[in-house]
Amino acid sequence: MKKEENSLYKFESLTDFHLVFGLEKPLHPMISFVDIQQLQKLPNDFPKSMVMNFYKISYKTGICGQAKYGQKYYDFGEGGLVFTSPNQIFESPSNHHTSGSLLLIHPDFLLSYPLAKKIKEYGFFSYTANEALHLSDKEKETILALFNSIDDELNSRIDDFSQDVMVAQVELLLNYCNRFYKRQFITRKSVNNDVLIKLEEILDDYFNEDKSVIEGIPTVQWLADNLNISPSYLSDMLRSLTGQNAQQHIHNRLVEKAKEILSTTNLSVAEIAYQLGFEHPQSFSRLFKSKSGVSPIEFRHSFN
């Protein structure tokens, strides 16, 4: 465990994690399954900011206080699955009044397996605490069964097949989580529609107040920050609602605004590009043609 100058504690290994939280040495140096109730309470002077160089998948039930991501606090009262990727700063309270399980996986455990690359494609490792995966009873049975299988394998005799089996189980776990997140996007469609309405309002204000002239084209990160959600969750949510990610959604809104200006003003293409936040008119023209099939000039002529 390393203490950074800004009181950020960095866990270099699973053994470090076990040591700090008063657990026995892990059965395997690169993968560990932990009962949350066995975690010892951290000292009051222990910094809350932590970063780990391994993946953490946590399932928490009951009341477990609050966790802080960025400048926002979110209650964990309902429990759920939360995913943390290596080198992601995570802040948690020193008390652990909750139950559940932690699955810790060092990236080196996946080396030589396709999952080493594929795991980076699971967007939920970039989600924040308020975007936890809330499971139905049936889904919970599936996840806990996989947790138990991994735990059983860890507690069995380690042999030449142990790693193959556990990597396969981890991949199956992630695939189920991917499926369940898709379900969550569907069942929470009304909530997500509210987010979509707010998103449109934010973009309307941005373009109508000509903020793009000063601040440039709105980015996915900027949009996510204004919605208090993570960029990855925003893109996945939009994809479930509209079939397009956040970047594509922003581009579509840019083209819509451009069409409005082309059809109601005599501004040149360069002036419109500048008004929408583009540094180069050529970039604007390429985007416009890729989305509408015609150039800005051709659109203006056809409209007239």
Protein backbone atom coordinates (compact mmCIF):
# COMPACT_ATOMS: atom_id res chain seq x y z
CA MET A 1 0.00 0.00 0.00
CA LYS A 2 1.34 3.45 -0.90
CA LYS A 3 0.41 6.79 0.65
CA GLU A 4 0.35 9.62 -1.86
CA GLU A 5 1.18 13.22 -0.97
CA ASN A 6 -2.47 14.24 -1.31
CA SER A 7 -3.55 11.54 1.18
CA LEU A 8 -4.60 9.21 -1.60
CA TYR A 9 -3.98 5.59 -0.70
CA LYS A 10 -2.97 3.37 -3.57
CA PHE A 11 -3.32 -0.38 -3.25
CA GLU A 12 -0.70 -2.08 -5.39
CA SER A 13 -1.94 -5.60 -4.79
CA LEU A 14 -4.79 -7.66 -3.43
CA THR A 15 -2.57 -8.57 -0.49
CA ASP A 16 -2.33 -4.88 0.41
CA PHE A 17 -6.12 -4.61 0.32
CA HIS A 18 -6.54 -7.63 2.59
CA LEU A 19 -3.95 -6.30 5.02
CA VAL A 20 -5.52 -2.85 5.36
CA PHE A 21 -9.01 -4.25 5.96
CA GLY A 22 -7.86 -6.86 8.46
CA LEU A 23 -8.43 -9.90 6.26
CA GLU A 24 -6.40 -13.04 5.98
CA LYS A 25 -3.93 -13.28 3.13
CA PRO A 26 -5.79 -13.98 -0.17
CA LEU A 27 -5.85 -17.57 -1.36
CA HIS A 28 -4.71 -16.40 -4.78
CA PRO A 29 -2.49 -13.33 -5.35
CA MET A 30 -4.48 -12.08 -8.35
CA ILE A 31 -8.12 -12.88 -7.59
CA SER A 32 -9.99 -12.70 -4.32
CA PHE A 33 -13.54 -13.09 -3.09
CA VAL A 34 -14.39 -11.13 0.07
CA ASP A 35 -17.34 -11.08 2.45
CA ILE A 36 -18.01 -7.37 3.08
CA GLN A 37 -19.06 -8.07 6.66
CA GLN A 38 -15.54 -9.30 7.39
CA LEU A 39 -13.96 -5.96 6.47
CA GLN A 40 -12.65 -4.26 9.57
CA LYS A 41 -13.53 -0.64 10.26
CA LEU A 42 -10.84 1.73 9.07
CA PRO A 43 -9.21 4.15 11.54
CA ASN A 44 -10.81 7.60 11.69
CA ASP A 45 -7.64 9.19 10.34
CA PHE A 46 -7.47 6.81 7.38
CA PRO A 47 -7.92 8.83 4.15
CA LYS A 48 -11.14 8.06 2.32
CA SER A 49 -9.61 8.50 -1.13
CA MET A 50 -8.37 5.21 -2.51
CA VAL A 51 -7.20 3.91 -5.84
CA MET A 52 -6.61 0.27 -6.70
CA ASN A 53 -4.72 -1.27 -9.58
CA PHE A 54 -7.27 -4.05 -9.94
CA TYR A 55 -10.91 -4.52 -10.90
CA LYS A 56 -13.51 -4.51 -8.14
CA ILE A 57 -17.03 -5.87 -8.51
CA SER A 58 -19.12 -5.31 -5.40
CA TYR A 59 -22.59 -6.48 -4.55
CA LYS A 60 -24.00 -4.63 -1.55
CA THR A 61 -27.30 -5.21 0.19
CA GLY A 62 -29.12 -3.32 2.89
CA ILE A 63 -27.88 -0.01 4.26
CA CYS A 64 -24.26 0.76 3.47
CA GLY A 65 -24.04 4.48 3.93
CA GLN A 66 -22.84 6.63 1.08
CA ALA A 67 -20.04 6.59 -1.43
CA LYS A 68 -18.65 9.70 -3.07
CA TYR A 69 -17.71 10.01 -6.74
CA GLY A 70 -16.46 13.42 -7.86
CA GLN A 71 -18.52 16.08 -6.08
CA LYS A 72 -21.77 14.11 -5.82
CA TYR A 73 -23.04 11.86 -3.03
CA TYR A 74 -25.42 9.03 -3.71
CA ASP A 75 -27.26 6.85 -1.24
CA PHE A 76 -26.70 3.11 -1.45
CA GLY A 77 -29.73 2.18 0.62
CA GLU A 78 -31.21 -0.14 -1.99
CA GLY A 79 -27.98 -1.97 -2.67
CA GLY A 80 -26.80 -3.19 -6.05
CA LEU A 81 -23.79 -4.09 -8.16
CA VAL A 82 -21.05 -1.51 -8.59
CA PHE A 83 -18.00 -1.89 -10.84
CA THR A 84 -14.63 -0.18 -10.39
CA SER A 85 -11.80 -0.34 -12.92
CA PRO A 86 -8.06 -0.17 -12.12
CA ASN A 87 -6.73 3.28 -11.19
CA GLN A 88 -10.20 4.69 -10.66
CA ILE A 89 -10.33 6.86 -7.56
CA PHE A 90 -12.95 5.66 -5.14
CA GLU A 91 -14.01 7.28 -1.90
CA SER A 92 -15.94 5.36 0.71
CA PRO A 93 -16.86 5.89 4.34
CA SER A 94 -14.85 4.23 7.08
CA ASN A 95 -17.88 2.36 8.39
CA HIS A 96 -19.21 -0.74 6.69
CA HIS A 97 -22.73 -1.27 7.98
CA THR A 98 -23.72 -3.49 5.11
CA SER A 99 -23.56 -7.01 3.77
CA GLY A 100 -22.53 -8.37 0.43
CA SER A 101 -19.49 -9.50 -1.48
CA LEU A 102 -16.45 -8.12 -3.26
CA LEU A 103 -14.76 -9.76 -6.22
CA LEU A 104 -11.25 -8.39 -6.76
CA ILE A 105 -9.41 -9.22 -9.99
CA HIS A 106 -5.92 -8.08 -10.93
CA PRO A 107 -5.57 -7.37 -14.68
CA ASP A 108 -2.58 -9.73 -14.86
CA PHE A 109 -4.91 -12.61 -13.95
CA LEU A 110 -6.55 -12.18 -17.36
CA LEU A 111 -3.36 -11.98 -19.42
CA SER A 112 -3.22 -14.46 -22.33
CA TYR A 113 -7.03 -14.67 -22.25
CA PRO A 114 -9.32 -12.77 -24.69
CA LEU A 115 -11.09 -11.32 -21.66
CA ALA A 116 -8.00 -9.17 -20.91
CA LYS A 117 -8.99 -6.99 -23.88
CA LYS A 118 -12.74 -7.58 -23.83
CA ILE A 119 -13.16 -6.47 -20.21
CA LYS A 120 -12.31 -2.90 -21.27
CA GLU A 121 -15.36 -2.93 -23.54
CA TYR A 122 -17.80 -3.32 -20.64
CA GLY A 123 -18.92 0.28 -20.18
CA PHE A 124 -20.29 -0.24 -16.68
CA PHE A 125 -16.75 -0.24 -15.26
CA SER A 126 -16.86 3.51 -15.95
CA TYR A 127 -20.27 4.06 -14.36
CA THR A 128 -20.58 5.92 -11.06
CA ALA A 129 -22.18 4.93 -7.78
CA ASN A 130 -25.65 6.25 -8.56
CA GLU A 131 -25.66 4.12 -11.71
CA ALA A 132 -25.44 0.80 -9.86
CA LEU A 133 -27.06 -2.29 -11.34
CA HIS A 134 -30.17 -3.13 -9.31
CA LEU A 135 -31.09 -6.76 -9.72
CA SER A 136 -34.43 -8.53 -9.76
CA ASP A 137 -34.75 -11.53 -7.45
CA LYS A 138 -34.11 -13.91 -10.35
CA GLU A 139 -31.11 -11.92 -11.54
CA LYS A 140 -29.75 -11.84 -8.00
CA GLU A 141 -29.90 -15.63 -7.88
CA THR A 142 -27.86 -15.82 -11.09
CA ILE A 143 -25.19 -13.38 -9.88
CA LEU A 144 -24.86 -14.92 -6.42
CA ALA A 145 -24.61 -18.39 -7.96
CA LEU A 146 -21.67 -17.22 -10.09
CA PHE A 147 -20.08 -15.53 -7.07
CA ASN A 148 -20.40 -18.80 -5.15
CA SER A 149 -18.89 -20.78 -8.04
CA ILE A 150 -15.86 -18.49 -8.14
CA ASP A 151 -15.53 -18.67 -4.37
CA ASP A 152 -15.77 -22.47 -4.44
CA GLU A 153 -13.09 -22.66 -7.11
CA LEU A 154 -10.80 -20.41 -5.08
CA ASN A 155 -11.25 -22.58 -2.02
CA SER A 156 -10.63 -25.79 -3.98
CA ARG A 157 -7.26 -27.24 -4.80
CA ILE A 158 -5.45 -24.96 -7.25
CA ASP A 159 -4.44 -26.89 -10.36
CA ASP A 160 -3.70 -26.36 -14.07
CA PHE A 161 -7.38 -25.75 -14.83
CA SER A 162 -8.24 -23.37 -11.98
CA GLN A 163 -7.43 -20.18 -13.85
CA ASP A 164 -9.24 -21.30 -17.00
CA VAL A 165 -12.36 -22.08 -14.96
CA MET A 166 -12.34 -18.83 -13.00
CA VAL A 167 -11.69 -16.64 -16.04
CA ALA A 168 -14.60 -18.34 -17.80
CA GLN A 169 -16.81 -17.73 -14.76
CA VAL A 170 -15.79 -14.06 -14.58
CA GLU A 171 -16.59 -13.59 -18.27
CA LEU A 172 -19.97 -15.24 -17.80
CA LEU A 173 -20.62 -12.96 -14.84
CA LEU A 174 -19.82 -9.86 -16.90
CA ASN A 175 -21.98 -11.01 -19.79
CA TYR A 176 -24.93 -11.48 -17.44
CA CYS A 177 -24.31 -8.02 -15.97
CA ASN A 178 -24.31 -6.59 -19.47
CA ARG A 179 -27.65 -8.26 -20.16
CA PHE A 180 -29.13 -7.09 -16.86
CA TYR A 181 -28.02 -3.50 -17.48
CA LYS A 182 -29.82 -3.60 -20.83
CA ARG A 183 -32.92 -4.75 -18.97
CA GLN A 184 -32.48 -1.94 -16.44
CA PHE A 185 -32.36 0.64 -19.22
CA ILE A 186 -35.67 -0.75 -20.50
CA THR A 187 -37.47 -1.01 -17.15
CA ARG A 188 -36.30 2.48 -16.17
CA LYS A 189 -37.29 3.96 -19.49
CA SER A 190 -39.56 6.58 -17.91
CA VAL A 191 -36.72 7.77 -15.68
CA ASN A 192 -34.31 7.79 -18.60
CA ASN A 193 -36.81 9.71 -20.70
CA ASP A 194 -36.75 12.42 -18.04
CA VAL A 195 -32.97 12.53 -18.39
CA LEU A 196 -33.35 12.75 -22.16
CA ILE A 197 -35.74 15.69 -21.81
CA LYS A 198 -33.28 17.46 -19.52
CA LEU A 199 -30.47 16.70 -21.98
CA GLU A 200 -32.41 18.35 -24.80
CA GLU A 201 -33.08 21.39 -22.64
CA ILE A 202 -29.38 21.72 -21.82
CA LEU A 203 -28.42 21.53 -25.50
CA ASP A 204 -31.17 23.96 -26.47
CA ASP A 205 -29.88 26.49 -23.97
CA TYR A 206 -26.31 25.91 -25.12
CA PHE A 207 -27.07 26.63 -28.77
CA ASN A 208 -29.70 29.32 -28.26
CA GLU A 209 -27.42 31.30 -25.97
CA ASP A 210 -24.53 30.94 -28.44
CA LYS A 211 -22.27 29.37 -25.81
CA SER A 212 -20.61 27.36 -28.58
CA VAL A 213 -19.04 30.57 -29.93
CA ILE A 214 -17.01 30.90 -26.74
CA GLU A 215 -16.82 27.34 -25.39
CA GLY A 216 -16.81 25.35 -28.63
CA ILE A 217 -18.74 22.21 -29.51
CA PRO A 218 -20.31 20.62 -26.40
CA THR A 219 -18.46 17.49 -25.36
CA VAL A 220 -19.86 14.25 -23.98
CA GLN A 221 -18.02 14.90 -20.71
CA TRP A 222 -19.56 18.38 -20.41
CA LEU A 223 -23.03 17.04 -21.11
CA ALA A 224 -22.62 14.19 -18.62
CA ASP A 225 -21.37 16.58 -15.94
CA ASN A 226 -24.46 18.76 -16.39
CA LEU A 227 -26.68 15.70 -16.03
CA ASN A 228 -24.70 14.37 -13.02
CA ILE A 229 -24.09 11.01 -14.68
CA SER A 230 -21.01 9.38 -16.14
CA PRO A 231 -20.17 9.71 -19.86
CA SER A 232 -20.30 5.94 -20.33
CA TYR A 233 -23.70 5.61 -18.69
CA LEU A 234 -25.01 8.55 -20.73
CA SER A 235 -23.92 6.94 -24.00
CA ASP A 236 -25.30 3.53 -23.07
CA MET A 237 -28.58 5.06 -21.90
CA LEU A 238 -28.98 7.05 -25.12
CA ARG A 239 -28.12 4.00 -27.20
CA SER A 240 -30.93 2.08 -25.48
CA LEU A 241 -33.41 4.93 -26.11
CA THR A 242 -32.38 6.24 -29.52
CA GLY A 243 -29.92 3.75 -30.97
CA GLN A 244 -27.13 6.34 -30.91
CA ASN A 245 -24.44 7.19 -28.37
CA ALA A 246 -23.91 10.61 -26.79
CA GLN A 247 -21.38 11.80 -29.37
CA GLN A 248 -23.72 10.90 -32.22
CA HIS A 249 -26.58 12.63 -30.42
CA ILE A 250 -24.56 15.85 -30.08
CA HIS A 251 -23.60 15.69 -33.76
CA ASN A 252 -27.23 15.25 -34.77
CA ARG A 253 -28.24 18.28 -32.72
CA LEU A 254 -25.44 20.30 -34.34
CA VAL A 255 -26.71 19.40 -37.80
CA GLU A 256 -30.31 20.20 -36.81
CA LYS A 257 -29.24 23.60 -35.55
CA ALA A 258 -27.20 24.16 -38.69
CA LYS A 259 -30.23 23.38 -40.87
CA GLU A 260 -32.27 25.88 -38.90
CA ILE A 261 -29.65 28.61 -39.44
CA LEU A 262 -29.17 27.73 -43.11
CA SER A 263 -32.88 27.98 -43.78
CA THR A 264 -33.57 31.18 -41.84
CA THR A 265 -30.47 33.36 -42.32
CA ASN A 266 -28.01 34.43 -44.98
CA LEU A 267 -24.95 33.59 -42.88
CA SER A 268 -22.12 31.96 -44.81
CA VAL A 269 -21.08 28.38 -44.13
CA ALA A 270 -17.93 29.64 -42.39
CA GLU A 271 -19.98 31.94 -40.15
CA ILE A 272 -22.36 29.13 -39.24
CA ALA A 273 -19.45 26.83 -38.48
CA TYR A 274 -17.95 29.46 -36.18
CA GLN A 275 -21.30 30.07 -34.47
CA LEU A 276 -21.66 26.34 -33.74
CA GLY A 277 -18.17 26.07 -32.24
CA PHE A 278 -16.17 24.58 -35.11
CA GLU A 279 -12.60 25.77 -35.52
CA HIS A 280 -12.55 24.92 -39.21
CA PRO A 281 -15.47 25.26 -41.68
CA GLN A 282 -14.27 22.13 -43.48
CA SER A 283 -14.92 20.05 -40.35
CA PHE A 284 -18.44 21.42 -40.12
CA SER A 285 -19.13 20.74 -43.82
CA ARG A 286 -17.88 17.14 -43.53
CA LEU A 287 -20.07 16.46 -40.51
CA PHE A 288 -23.10 18.07 -42.13
CA LYS A 289 -22.74 16.02 -45.32
CA SER A 290 -22.13 12.78 -43.42
CA LYS A 291 -25.37 13.29 -41.49
CA SER A 292 -27.64 14.78 -44.16
CA GLY A 293 -26.17 13.43 -47.39
CA VAL A 294 -25.71 16.89 -48.90
CA SER A 295 -23.37 19.80 -48.28
CA PRO A 296 -24.56 22.90 -46.37
CA ILE A 297 -24.73 24.88 -49.63
CA GLU A 298 -26.68 22.12 -51.39
CA PHE A 299 -29.11 21.98 -48.46
CA ARG A 300 -29.68 25.74 -48.60
CA HIS A 301 -30.30 25.60 -52.35
CA SER A 302 -32.69 22.66 -52.09
CA PHE A 303 -34.55 24.33 -49.24
CA ASN A 304 -34.96 27.54 -51.22
